[in-house]
N, C-alpha and C. Protein backbone atom coordinates (compact mmCIF):
# COMPACT_ATOMS: atom_id res chain seq x y z
N UNK A 1 33.83 7.28 10.89
CA UNK A 1 32.46 7.51 10.45
C UNK A 1 31.61 8.06 11.60
N UNK A 2 30.64 8.88 11.25
CA UNK A 2 29.73 9.45 12.24
C UNK A 2 28.40 8.69 12.24
N UNK A 3 27.61 8.91 13.33
CA UNK A 3 26.27 8.31 13.41
C UNK A 3 25.47 8.65 12.16
N UNK A 4 24.76 7.66 11.64
CA UNK A 4 23.94 7.87 10.45
C UNK A 4 24.66 7.52 9.17
N UNK A 5 25.84 6.91 9.26
CA UNK A 5 26.58 6.53 8.06
C UNK A 5 26.65 5.02 7.95
N UNK A 6 26.85 4.54 6.72
CA UNK A 6 27.03 3.11 6.50
C UNK A 6 28.02 2.92 5.36
N UNK A 7 28.58 1.75 5.31
CA UNK A 7 29.60 1.43 4.32
C UNK A 7 29.23 0.10 3.67
N UNK A 8 28.91 0.12 2.37
CA UNK A 8 28.58 -1.11 1.63
C UNK A 8 29.89 -1.72 1.13
N UNK A 9 30.20 -2.92 1.61
CA UNK A 9 31.41 -3.62 1.17
C UNK A 9 31.21 -4.17 -0.24
N UNK A 10 30.09 -4.87 -0.45
CA UNK A 10 29.74 -5.33 -1.79
C UNK A 10 28.25 -5.67 -1.85
N UNK A 11 27.74 -5.74 -3.07
CA UNK A 11 26.34 -6.07 -3.31
C UNK A 11 26.26 -6.98 -4.52
N UNK A 12 25.59 -8.11 -4.37
CA UNK A 12 25.41 -9.04 -5.49
C UNK A 12 23.93 -9.31 -5.71
N UNK A 13 23.57 -9.53 -6.96
CA UNK A 13 22.19 -9.85 -7.30
C UNK A 13 21.98 -11.35 -7.12
N UNK A 14 21.08 -11.73 -6.22
CA UNK A 14 20.79 -13.15 -5.97
C UNK A 14 19.74 -13.69 -6.94
N UNK A 15 18.78 -12.85 -7.29
CA UNK A 15 17.69 -13.26 -8.17
C UNK A 15 17.18 -12.04 -8.91
N UNK A 16 16.85 -12.22 -10.18
CA UNK A 16 16.27 -11.13 -10.95
C UNK A 16 15.16 -11.70 -11.83
N UNK A 17 13.94 -11.30 -11.52
CA UNK A 17 12.76 -11.68 -12.29
C UNK A 17 11.88 -10.46 -12.38
N UNK A 18 10.58 -10.61 -12.07
CA UNK A 18 9.70 -9.45 -12.01
C UNK A 18 10.19 -8.49 -10.93
N UNK A 19 10.69 -9.06 -9.83
CA UNK A 19 11.35 -8.30 -8.77
C UNK A 19 12.80 -8.77 -8.68
N UNK A 20 13.53 -8.22 -7.73
CA UNK A 20 14.94 -8.55 -7.61
C UNK A 20 15.31 -8.73 -6.14
N UNK A 21 16.22 -9.67 -5.90
CA UNK A 21 16.75 -9.87 -4.55
C UNK A 21 18.25 -9.62 -4.59
N UNK A 22 18.72 -8.68 -3.76
CA UNK A 22 20.14 -8.35 -3.67
C UNK A 22 20.68 -8.81 -2.32
N UNK A 23 21.97 -9.18 -2.30
CA UNK A 23 22.62 -9.51 -1.04
C UNK A 23 23.73 -8.50 -0.78
N UNK A 24 23.64 -7.83 0.35
CA UNK A 24 24.61 -6.81 0.74
C UNK A 24 25.52 -7.34 1.84
N UNK A 25 26.78 -6.94 1.78
CA UNK A 25 27.69 -7.03 2.91
C UNK A 25 28.00 -5.59 3.29
N UNK A 26 27.73 -5.23 4.54
CA UNK A 26 27.86 -3.83 4.95
C UNK A 26 28.14 -3.72 6.43
N UNK A 27 28.46 -2.51 6.83
CA UNK A 27 28.56 -2.16 8.24
C UNK A 27 27.98 -0.76 8.39
N UNK A 28 27.55 -0.44 9.62
CA UNK A 28 26.96 0.89 9.83
C UNK A 28 27.40 1.45 11.18
N UNK A 29 27.25 2.76 11.31
CA UNK A 29 27.62 3.42 12.56
C UNK A 29 26.66 3.00 13.68
N UNK A 30 27.16 3.01 14.90
CA UNK A 30 26.39 2.60 16.07
C UNK A 30 26.00 3.82 16.90
N UNK A 31 24.89 3.73 17.61
CA UNK A 31 24.40 4.86 18.41
C UNK A 31 25.42 5.30 19.46
N UNK A 32 26.16 4.37 20.01
CA UNK A 32 27.12 4.72 21.06
C UNK A 32 28.53 4.95 20.51
N UNK A 33 28.63 5.08 19.18
CA UNK A 33 29.91 5.35 18.55
C UNK A 33 30.53 4.10 17.95
N UNK A 34 31.43 4.32 17.01
CA UNK A 34 32.09 3.21 16.35
C UNK A 34 31.23 2.60 15.26
N UNK A 35 31.71 1.47 14.75
CA UNK A 35 31.03 0.81 13.64
C UNK A 35 30.64 -0.61 14.02
N UNK A 36 29.58 -1.09 13.40
CA UNK A 36 29.17 -2.48 13.60
C UNK A 36 30.17 -3.42 12.93
N UNK A 37 30.03 -4.69 13.24
CA UNK A 37 30.75 -5.71 12.49
C UNK A 37 30.19 -5.75 11.07
N UNK A 38 30.96 -6.29 10.13
CA UNK A 38 30.43 -6.48 8.77
C UNK A 38 29.33 -7.54 8.85
N UNK A 39 28.18 -7.23 8.28
CA UNK A 39 27.03 -8.14 8.31
C UNK A 39 26.53 -8.39 6.90
N UNK A 40 25.75 -9.44 6.75
CA UNK A 40 25.16 -9.80 5.47
C UNK A 40 23.64 -9.63 5.57
N UNK A 41 23.06 -8.94 4.61
CA UNK A 41 21.61 -8.71 4.59
C UNK A 41 21.07 -8.89 3.17
N UNK A 42 19.94 -9.60 3.05
CA UNK A 42 19.25 -9.70 1.76
C UNK A 42 18.22 -8.58 1.69
N UNK A 43 18.06 -8.00 0.50
CA UNK A 43 17.11 -6.92 0.29
C UNK A 43 16.22 -7.25 -0.91
N UNK A 44 14.92 -7.32 -0.65
CA UNK A 44 13.93 -7.55 -1.69
C UNK A 44 13.65 -6.19 -2.34
N UNK A 45 14.09 -6.03 -3.60
CA UNK A 45 13.89 -4.78 -4.33
C UNK A 45 12.50 -4.77 -4.94
N UNK A 46 11.57 -4.14 -4.27
CA UNK A 46 10.15 -4.21 -4.64
C UNK A 46 9.69 -3.02 -5.47
N UNK A 47 10.36 -1.87 -5.34
CA UNK A 47 9.97 -0.68 -6.09
C UNK A 47 9.07 0.24 -5.30
N UNK A 48 8.45 1.17 -6.02
CA UNK A 48 7.59 2.18 -5.40
C UNK A 48 6.13 1.89 -5.78
N UNK A 49 5.25 2.05 -4.82
CA UNK A 49 3.84 1.74 -5.04
C UNK A 49 2.96 2.87 -4.52
N UNK A 50 1.71 2.81 -4.94
CA UNK A 50 0.67 3.75 -4.50
C UNK A 50 -0.50 2.93 -3.98
N UNK A 51 -1.14 3.41 -2.92
CA UNK A 51 -2.39 2.82 -2.44
C UNK A 51 -3.36 3.97 -2.18
N UNK A 52 -4.63 3.74 -2.50
CA UNK A 52 -5.62 4.81 -2.33
C UNK A 52 -6.91 4.23 -1.75
N UNK A 53 -7.44 4.93 -0.76
CA UNK A 53 -8.74 4.59 -0.18
C UNK A 53 -9.80 5.43 -0.86
N UNK A 54 -10.61 4.85 -1.74
CA UNK A 54 -11.71 5.62 -2.34
C UNK A 54 -12.80 5.86 -1.29
N UNK A 55 -13.19 7.13 -1.14
CA UNK A 55 -14.17 7.51 -0.12
C UNK A 55 -15.21 8.42 -0.73
N UNK A 56 -16.48 8.13 -0.44
CA UNK A 56 -17.60 8.95 -0.89
C UNK A 56 -18.10 9.74 0.32
N UNK A 57 -17.79 11.06 0.39
CA UNK A 57 -18.18 11.84 1.56
C UNK A 57 -19.68 12.11 1.64
N UNK A 58 -20.38 12.00 0.53
CA UNK A 58 -21.83 12.22 0.53
C UNK A 58 -22.54 11.02 1.14
N UNK A 59 -22.19 9.81 0.68
CA UNK A 59 -22.81 8.59 1.20
C UNK A 59 -22.11 8.07 2.46
N UNK A 60 -20.95 8.64 2.80
CA UNK A 60 -20.13 8.18 3.91
C UNK A 60 -19.80 6.69 3.77
N UNK A 61 -19.33 6.35 2.56
CA UNK A 61 -18.98 4.97 2.25
C UNK A 61 -17.57 4.90 1.68
N UNK A 62 -16.87 3.80 1.97
CA UNK A 62 -15.56 3.55 1.38
C UNK A 62 -15.68 2.41 0.39
N UNK A 63 -14.76 2.39 -0.57
CA UNK A 63 -14.71 1.32 -1.55
C UNK A 63 -13.52 0.44 -1.20
N UNK A 64 -13.80 -0.82 -0.94
CA UNK A 64 -12.77 -1.79 -0.62
C UNK A 64 -12.74 -2.86 -1.69
N UNK A 65 -11.63 -3.56 -1.80
CA UNK A 65 -11.52 -4.63 -2.78
C UNK A 65 -11.09 -5.91 -2.07
N UNK A 66 -11.42 -7.03 -2.69
CA UNK A 66 -11.07 -8.33 -2.14
C UNK A 66 -10.38 -9.13 -3.23
N UNK A 67 -9.22 -9.71 -2.90
CA UNK A 67 -8.50 -10.50 -3.90
C UNK A 67 -7.57 -11.51 -3.23
N UNK A 68 -7.18 -12.52 -4.00
CA UNK A 68 -6.24 -13.53 -3.54
C UNK A 68 -4.86 -12.92 -3.38
N UNK A 69 -4.18 -13.25 -2.27
CA UNK A 69 -2.83 -12.74 -2.01
C UNK A 69 -1.92 -13.89 -1.60
N UNK A 70 -0.85 -14.11 -2.37
CA UNK A 70 0.07 -15.21 -2.11
C UNK A 70 0.71 -15.09 -0.73
N UNK A 71 0.93 -13.89 -0.26
CA UNK A 71 1.54 -13.70 1.05
C UNK A 71 0.70 -14.23 2.20
N UNK A 72 -0.61 -14.39 1.96
CA UNK A 72 -1.52 -14.88 3.00
C UNK A 72 -1.92 -16.33 2.77
N UNK A 73 -1.15 -17.04 1.94
CA UNK A 73 -1.54 -18.40 1.55
C UNK A 73 -1.63 -19.36 2.74
N UNK A 74 -0.87 -19.11 3.79
CA UNK A 74 -0.91 -19.98 4.96
C UNK A 74 -1.77 -19.43 6.10
N UNK A 75 -2.51 -18.35 5.83
CA UNK A 75 -3.37 -17.76 6.85
C UNK A 75 -4.58 -18.67 7.08
N UNK A 76 -4.85 -19.06 8.32
CA UNK A 76 -6.00 -19.93 8.58
C UNK A 76 -7.34 -19.32 8.19
N UNK A 77 -7.40 -17.98 8.09
CA UNK A 77 -8.64 -17.32 7.68
C UNK A 77 -8.81 -17.31 6.16
N UNK A 78 -7.76 -17.67 5.43
CA UNK A 78 -7.84 -17.70 3.97
C UNK A 78 -6.92 -16.68 3.33
N UNK A 79 -6.71 -16.88 2.03
CA UNK A 79 -5.75 -16.06 1.28
C UNK A 79 -6.40 -14.90 0.52
N UNK A 80 -7.72 -14.69 0.72
CA UNK A 80 -8.39 -13.54 0.10
C UNK A 80 -8.46 -12.43 1.13
N UNK A 81 -7.81 -11.30 0.82
CA UNK A 81 -7.74 -10.19 1.76
C UNK A 81 -8.63 -9.03 1.33
N UNK A 82 -9.15 -8.32 2.32
CA UNK A 82 -9.91 -7.10 2.08
C UNK A 82 -8.92 -5.94 2.13
N UNK A 83 -8.80 -5.24 1.00
CA UNK A 83 -7.75 -4.24 0.85
C UNK A 83 -8.31 -2.95 0.24
N UNK A 84 -7.38 -2.06 -0.12
CA UNK A 84 -7.74 -0.87 -0.90
C UNK A 84 -6.99 -0.94 -2.22
N UNK A 85 -7.38 -0.09 -3.13
CA UNK A 85 -6.77 -0.02 -4.46
C UNK A 85 -5.28 0.27 -4.32
N UNK A 86 -4.46 -0.42 -5.13
CA UNK A 86 -3.01 -0.19 -5.08
C UNK A 86 -2.36 -0.63 -6.38
N UNK A 87 -1.17 -0.09 -6.64
CA UNK A 87 -0.43 -0.49 -7.83
C UNK A 87 0.98 0.07 -7.80
N UNK A 88 1.80 -0.48 -8.68
CA UNK A 88 3.20 -0.08 -8.76
C UNK A 88 3.36 1.17 -9.63
N UNK A 89 4.34 2.00 -9.27
CA UNK A 89 4.67 3.19 -10.04
C UNK A 89 5.74 2.81 -11.05
N UNK A 90 5.46 3.00 -12.32
CA UNK A 90 6.46 2.76 -13.36
C UNK A 90 7.34 3.99 -13.51
N UNK A 91 8.50 3.81 -14.10
CA UNK A 91 9.42 4.93 -14.29
C UNK A 91 8.75 6.04 -15.08
N UNK A 92 8.86 7.26 -14.59
CA UNK A 92 8.28 8.43 -15.25
C UNK A 92 6.85 8.72 -14.87
N UNK A 93 6.19 7.85 -14.10
CA UNK A 93 4.81 8.08 -13.69
C UNK A 93 4.74 8.90 -12.41
N UNK A 94 3.72 9.72 -12.30
CA UNK A 94 3.44 10.44 -11.06
C UNK A 94 2.55 9.58 -10.17
N UNK A 95 2.80 9.58 -8.86
CA UNK A 95 1.98 8.76 -7.96
C UNK A 95 0.48 9.06 -8.07
N UNK A 96 0.13 10.33 -8.23
CA UNK A 96 -1.28 10.71 -8.33
C UNK A 96 -1.93 10.09 -9.56
N UNK A 97 -1.18 10.03 -10.67
CA UNK A 97 -1.72 9.42 -11.89
C UNK A 97 -1.92 7.92 -11.71
N UNK A 98 -0.99 7.28 -11.00
CA UNK A 98 -1.11 5.85 -10.72
C UNK A 98 -2.35 5.60 -9.85
N UNK A 99 -2.56 6.44 -8.85
CA UNK A 99 -3.73 6.29 -7.97
C UNK A 99 -5.03 6.34 -8.78
N UNK A 100 -5.12 7.29 -9.70
CA UNK A 100 -6.33 7.42 -10.52
C UNK A 100 -6.49 6.23 -11.47
N UNK A 101 -5.38 5.82 -12.10
CA UNK A 101 -5.44 4.69 -13.04
C UNK A 101 -5.83 3.40 -12.34
N UNK A 102 -5.17 3.12 -11.22
CA UNK A 102 -5.45 1.88 -10.50
C UNK A 102 -6.87 1.86 -9.94
N UNK A 103 -7.37 3.01 -9.54
CA UNK A 103 -8.74 3.06 -9.05
C UNK A 103 -9.74 2.64 -10.12
N UNK A 104 -9.52 3.08 -11.35
CA UNK A 104 -10.40 2.68 -12.46
C UNK A 104 -10.22 1.19 -12.77
N UNK A 105 -8.95 0.73 -12.84
CA UNK A 105 -8.68 -0.66 -13.21
C UNK A 105 -9.19 -1.65 -12.17
N UNK A 106 -9.04 -1.32 -10.89
CA UNK A 106 -9.34 -2.29 -9.84
C UNK A 106 -10.73 -2.15 -9.23
N UNK A 107 -11.36 -0.97 -9.39
CA UNK A 107 -12.66 -0.79 -8.73
C UNK A 107 -13.70 -0.11 -9.60
N UNK A 108 -13.30 0.40 -10.76
CA UNK A 108 -14.26 1.12 -11.60
C UNK A 108 -14.61 2.49 -11.07
N UNK A 109 -13.85 3.01 -10.12
CA UNK A 109 -14.12 4.31 -9.50
C UNK A 109 -13.27 5.40 -10.13
N UNK A 110 -13.92 6.49 -10.50
CA UNK A 110 -13.18 7.66 -10.96
C UNK A 110 -12.92 8.57 -9.77
N UNK A 111 -11.65 8.85 -9.53
CA UNK A 111 -11.28 9.75 -8.43
C UNK A 111 -11.37 11.18 -8.92
N UNK A 112 -12.13 12.00 -8.21
CA UNK A 112 -12.29 13.40 -8.60
C UNK A 112 -11.39 14.34 -7.79
N UNK A 113 -11.06 13.93 -6.57
CA UNK A 113 -10.13 14.71 -5.74
C UNK A 113 -9.26 13.72 -4.98
N UNK A 114 -8.03 14.16 -4.66
CA UNK A 114 -7.06 13.27 -4.05
C UNK A 114 -6.32 13.99 -2.94
N UNK A 115 -6.23 13.34 -1.77
CA UNK A 115 -5.50 13.90 -0.64
C UNK A 115 -4.37 12.96 -0.24
N UNK A 116 -3.14 13.46 -0.11
CA UNK A 116 -2.05 12.59 0.35
C UNK A 116 -2.18 12.31 1.84
N UNK A 117 -1.90 11.07 2.23
CA UNK A 117 -1.90 10.69 3.64
C UNK A 117 -0.46 10.61 4.15
N UNK A 118 0.35 9.75 3.53
CA UNK A 118 1.75 9.62 3.95
C UNK A 118 2.50 8.74 2.96
N UNK A 119 3.81 8.72 3.10
CA UNK A 119 4.66 7.77 2.39
C UNK A 119 5.32 6.91 3.47
N UNK A 120 5.27 5.59 3.29
CA UNK A 120 5.83 4.72 4.32
C UNK A 120 6.50 3.49 3.72
N UNK A 121 7.38 2.87 4.54
CA UNK A 121 8.03 1.60 4.22
C UNK A 121 7.23 0.50 4.92
N UNK A 122 6.58 -0.42 4.20
CA UNK A 122 5.79 -1.45 4.87
C UNK A 122 6.62 -2.51 5.59
N UNK A 123 7.84 -2.78 5.12
CA UNK A 123 8.65 -3.82 5.75
C UNK A 123 10.14 -3.52 5.55
N UNK A 124 10.66 -2.44 6.17
CA UNK A 124 12.02 -1.97 5.87
C UNK A 124 13.13 -2.88 6.37
N UNK A 125 12.80 -3.89 7.17
CA UNK A 125 13.82 -4.82 7.61
C UNK A 125 14.34 -5.71 6.50
N UNK A 126 13.59 -5.81 5.40
CA UNK A 126 14.00 -6.72 4.33
C UNK A 126 13.60 -6.26 2.94
N UNK A 127 12.85 -5.17 2.83
CA UNK A 127 12.25 -4.79 1.55
C UNK A 127 12.42 -3.29 1.30
N UNK A 128 12.72 -2.94 0.04
CA UNK A 128 12.93 -1.53 -0.32
C UNK A 128 11.64 -0.80 -0.65
N UNK A 129 10.52 -1.50 -0.73
CA UNK A 129 9.28 -0.90 -1.20
C UNK A 129 8.86 0.30 -0.36
N UNK A 130 8.40 1.35 -1.05
CA UNK A 130 7.71 2.46 -0.40
C UNK A 130 6.29 2.52 -0.96
N UNK A 131 5.36 2.95 -0.13
CA UNK A 131 3.97 3.12 -0.55
C UNK A 131 3.55 4.54 -0.25
N UNK A 132 3.06 5.22 -1.29
CA UNK A 132 2.46 6.54 -1.11
C UNK A 132 0.96 6.32 -0.95
N UNK A 133 0.45 6.72 0.20
CA UNK A 133 -0.93 6.44 0.58
C UNK A 133 -1.79 7.69 0.40
N UNK A 134 -2.96 7.49 -0.22
CA UNK A 134 -3.87 8.60 -0.51
C UNK A 134 -5.30 8.25 -0.09
N UNK A 135 -6.11 9.29 0.01
CA UNK A 135 -7.56 9.15 0.12
C UNK A 135 -8.14 9.86 -1.11
N UNK A 136 -9.01 9.17 -1.83
CA UNK A 136 -9.55 9.72 -3.07
C UNK A 136 -11.06 9.87 -3.00
N UNK A 137 -11.56 11.00 -3.43
CA UNK A 137 -12.99 11.26 -3.46
C UNK A 137 -13.61 10.56 -4.66
N UNK A 138 -14.68 9.76 -4.42
CA UNK A 138 -15.38 9.05 -5.48
C UNK A 138 -16.88 9.13 -5.24
N UNK A 139 -17.64 8.76 -6.27
CA UNK A 139 -19.08 8.55 -6.16
C UNK A 139 -19.27 7.04 -6.05
N UNK A 140 -19.63 6.57 -4.87
CA UNK A 140 -19.75 5.12 -4.64
C UNK A 140 -21.16 4.60 -4.89
N UNK A 141 -22.02 5.43 -5.44
CA UNK A 141 -23.41 5.07 -5.60
C UNK A 141 -23.66 3.84 -6.45
N UNK A 142 -22.91 3.66 -7.51
CA UNK A 142 -23.15 2.54 -8.43
C UNK A 142 -21.94 1.62 -8.52
N UNK A 143 -21.15 1.57 -7.47
CA UNK A 143 -19.90 0.80 -7.50
C UNK A 143 -20.16 -0.64 -7.08
N UNK A 144 -19.47 -1.55 -7.72
CA UNK A 144 -19.56 -2.97 -7.38
C UNK A 144 -19.14 -3.81 -8.57
N UNK A 145 -19.06 -5.11 -8.36
CA UNK A 145 -18.71 -6.02 -9.45
C UNK A 145 -17.32 -6.58 -9.30
N UNK A 146 -16.83 -7.15 -10.40
CA UNK A 146 -15.51 -7.77 -10.43
C UNK A 146 -14.66 -7.05 -11.47
N UNK A 147 -13.44 -6.66 -11.07
CA UNK A 147 -12.54 -5.90 -11.93
C UNK A 147 -11.17 -6.55 -11.97
N UNK A 148 -10.23 -5.87 -12.63
CA UNK A 148 -8.86 -6.33 -12.73
C UNK A 148 -8.46 -6.57 -14.17
N UNK A 149 -7.16 -6.64 -14.39
CA UNK A 149 -6.62 -6.84 -15.73
C UNK A 149 -6.35 -8.33 -15.96
N UNK A 150 -6.88 -8.85 -17.07
CA UNK A 150 -6.70 -10.26 -17.38
C UNK A 150 -5.23 -10.63 -17.52
N UNK A 151 -4.45 -9.76 -18.20
CA UNK A 151 -3.04 -10.11 -18.43
C UNK A 151 -2.20 -10.09 -17.15
N UNK A 152 -2.76 -9.54 -16.06
CA UNK A 152 -2.08 -9.60 -14.76
C UNK A 152 -2.73 -10.63 -13.84
N UNK A 153 -3.66 -11.42 -14.40
CA UNK A 153 -4.37 -12.45 -13.64
C UNK A 153 -5.08 -11.88 -12.42
N UNK A 154 -5.62 -10.67 -12.57
CA UNK A 154 -6.33 -10.05 -11.46
C UNK A 154 -7.79 -10.48 -11.46
N UNK A 155 -8.29 -10.81 -10.29
CA UNK A 155 -9.69 -11.17 -10.08
C UNK A 155 -10.11 -10.46 -8.80
N UNK A 156 -10.65 -9.25 -8.96
CA UNK A 156 -10.85 -8.34 -7.83
C UNK A 156 -12.34 -8.06 -7.64
N UNK A 157 -12.84 -8.42 -6.46
CA UNK A 157 -14.23 -8.11 -6.14
C UNK A 157 -14.30 -6.78 -5.42
N UNK A 158 -15.21 -5.92 -5.86
CA UNK A 158 -15.34 -4.57 -5.31
C UNK A 158 -16.50 -4.53 -4.33
N UNK A 159 -16.25 -3.92 -3.17
CA UNK A 159 -17.26 -3.79 -2.12
C UNK A 159 -17.41 -2.32 -1.75
N UNK A 160 -18.63 -1.87 -1.56
CA UNK A 160 -18.85 -0.55 -0.96
C UNK A 160 -19.38 -0.78 0.45
N UNK A 161 -18.77 -0.10 1.39
CA UNK A 161 -19.06 -0.36 2.80
C UNK A 161 -19.24 0.97 3.52
N UNK A 162 -20.26 1.06 4.36
CA UNK A 162 -20.41 2.23 5.20
C UNK A 162 -19.15 2.43 6.04
N UNK A 163 -18.79 3.69 6.28
CA UNK A 163 -17.54 3.96 6.99
C UNK A 163 -17.50 3.30 8.36
N UNK A 164 -18.59 3.37 9.11
CA UNK A 164 -18.62 2.76 10.45
C UNK A 164 -18.46 1.24 10.36
N UNK A 165 -19.06 0.63 9.34
CA UNK A 165 -18.92 -0.82 9.16
C UNK A 165 -17.48 -1.18 8.82
N UNK A 166 -16.84 -0.36 8.00
CA UNK A 166 -15.43 -0.60 7.67
C UNK A 166 -14.56 -0.55 8.93
N UNK A 167 -14.86 0.39 9.81
CA UNK A 167 -14.11 0.46 11.08
C UNK A 167 -14.36 -0.78 11.94
N UNK A 168 -15.59 -1.30 11.89
CA UNK A 168 -15.89 -2.53 12.63
C UNK A 168 -15.11 -3.71 12.04
N UNK A 169 -15.00 -3.75 10.72
CA UNK A 169 -14.20 -4.81 10.08
C UNK A 169 -12.74 -4.69 10.51
N UNK A 170 -12.28 -3.47 10.65
CA UNK A 170 -10.90 -3.24 11.11
C UNK A 170 -10.73 -3.76 12.53
N UNK A 171 -11.71 -3.48 13.37
CA UNK A 171 -11.63 -3.88 14.77
C UNK A 171 -11.71 -5.39 14.95
N UNK A 172 -12.52 -6.06 14.12
CA UNK A 172 -12.67 -7.51 14.31
C UNK A 172 -11.65 -8.34 13.52
N UNK A 173 -10.73 -7.66 12.81
CA UNK A 173 -9.65 -8.36 12.13
C UNK A 173 -9.93 -8.79 10.71
N UNK A 174 -11.10 -8.49 10.19
CA UNK A 174 -11.37 -8.83 8.79
C UNK A 174 -10.41 -8.08 7.86
N UNK A 175 -10.11 -6.84 8.20
CA UNK A 175 -9.11 -6.06 7.45
C UNK A 175 -7.79 -6.21 8.19
N UNK A 176 -6.83 -6.90 7.56
CA UNK A 176 -5.56 -7.19 8.24
C UNK A 176 -4.34 -6.91 7.37
N UNK A 177 -4.49 -6.00 6.42
CA UNK A 177 -3.39 -5.58 5.55
C UNK A 177 -3.05 -4.13 5.91
N UNK A 178 -1.76 -3.79 5.85
CA UNK A 178 -1.29 -2.51 6.40
C UNK A 178 -1.93 -1.28 5.76
N UNK A 179 -1.98 -1.22 4.42
CA UNK A 179 -2.46 0.00 3.76
C UNK A 179 -3.91 0.35 4.14
N UNK A 180 -4.86 -0.60 4.09
CA UNK A 180 -6.22 -0.21 4.50
C UNK A 180 -6.34 0.11 5.99
N UNK A 181 -5.56 -0.56 6.82
CA UNK A 181 -5.59 -0.24 8.25
C UNK A 181 -5.18 1.22 8.46
N UNK A 182 -4.05 1.60 7.85
CA UNK A 182 -3.55 2.97 8.01
C UNK A 182 -4.51 4.00 7.41
N UNK A 183 -5.04 3.70 6.22
CA UNK A 183 -5.92 4.65 5.54
C UNK A 183 -7.22 4.85 6.31
N UNK A 184 -7.80 3.78 6.80
CA UNK A 184 -9.06 3.89 7.55
C UNK A 184 -8.84 4.61 8.89
N UNK A 185 -7.73 4.31 9.56
CA UNK A 185 -7.45 5.01 10.81
C UNK A 185 -7.22 6.50 10.56
N UNK A 186 -6.51 6.82 9.46
CA UNK A 186 -6.29 8.23 9.11
C UNK A 186 -7.63 8.91 8.84
N UNK A 187 -8.50 8.25 8.08
CA UNK A 187 -9.80 8.87 7.76
C UNK A 187 -10.64 9.04 9.03
N UNK A 188 -10.56 8.09 9.95
CA UNK A 188 -11.30 8.22 11.21
C UNK A 188 -10.85 9.47 11.97
N UNK A 189 -9.56 9.78 11.90
CA UNK A 189 -9.04 10.96 12.59
C UNK A 189 -9.30 12.26 11.83
N UNK A 190 -9.45 12.18 10.51
CA UNK A 190 -9.48 13.38 9.68
C UNK A 190 -10.76 13.56 8.85
N UNK A 191 -11.78 12.77 9.12
CA UNK A 191 -12.96 12.77 8.25
C UNK A 191 -13.62 14.14 8.13
N UNK A 192 -13.79 14.82 9.24
CA UNK A 192 -14.44 16.14 9.19
C UNK A 192 -13.63 17.12 8.36
N UNK A 193 -12.32 17.07 8.52
CA UNK A 193 -11.44 17.94 7.74
C UNK A 193 -11.51 17.60 6.25
N UNK A 194 -11.53 16.30 5.93
CA UNK A 194 -11.62 15.85 4.54
C UNK A 194 -12.91 16.35 3.90
N UNK A 195 -14.01 16.19 4.60
CA UNK A 195 -15.31 16.64 4.08
C UNK A 195 -15.30 18.16 3.85
N UNK A 196 -14.69 18.90 4.76
CA UNK A 196 -14.62 20.36 4.62
C UNK A 196 -13.77 20.74 3.40
N UNK A 197 -12.63 20.08 3.21
CA UNK A 197 -11.74 20.38 2.09
C UNK A 197 -12.41 20.03 0.76
N UNK A 198 -13.21 18.98 0.74
CA UNK A 198 -13.81 18.49 -0.49
C UNK A 198 -15.15 19.16 -0.82
N UNK A 199 -15.61 20.10 -0.01
CA UNK A 199 -16.89 20.77 -0.29
C UNK A 199 -16.86 21.48 -1.62
């Protein structure tokens, strides 16, 4: 085998519910040649997701959401995180359509223009999930309130925040989830270009 190859010995499903956990036995090529020993790895099959930062270039405000997150249940600061709109891509859906749908469902914002930022793996050491990250143009003038789908037990508070204030929240640790950190940093680097493209 050459560098960049791997060999799956076997794969078994450990758990199957809303998500799935698989256990692999595999080996892979090594940078200095040869193959690794056979190893065992669990993989959380999470699927494909979209996240979008709603941004109003006229008011220079971003729309953020706040909601309970089980992953932060042991965080001393609390389990309610300040995030951006996000959702899972179902089979046959386009990521751009998911971004627009989730923006309406979670924040009441209609996206009029959409710019791709990147596609990334948030935790590739154990999880298959990919996130397609976008920045979406919105009118944040009348945004606010509580949104979410009852059948998904969503309870989402919507916040509109000046861009500079959002960056301050990022700096002081109030925003500590990967997607909003990346989206806000991207917008800080590209804001003038975004405003020019959206004219």
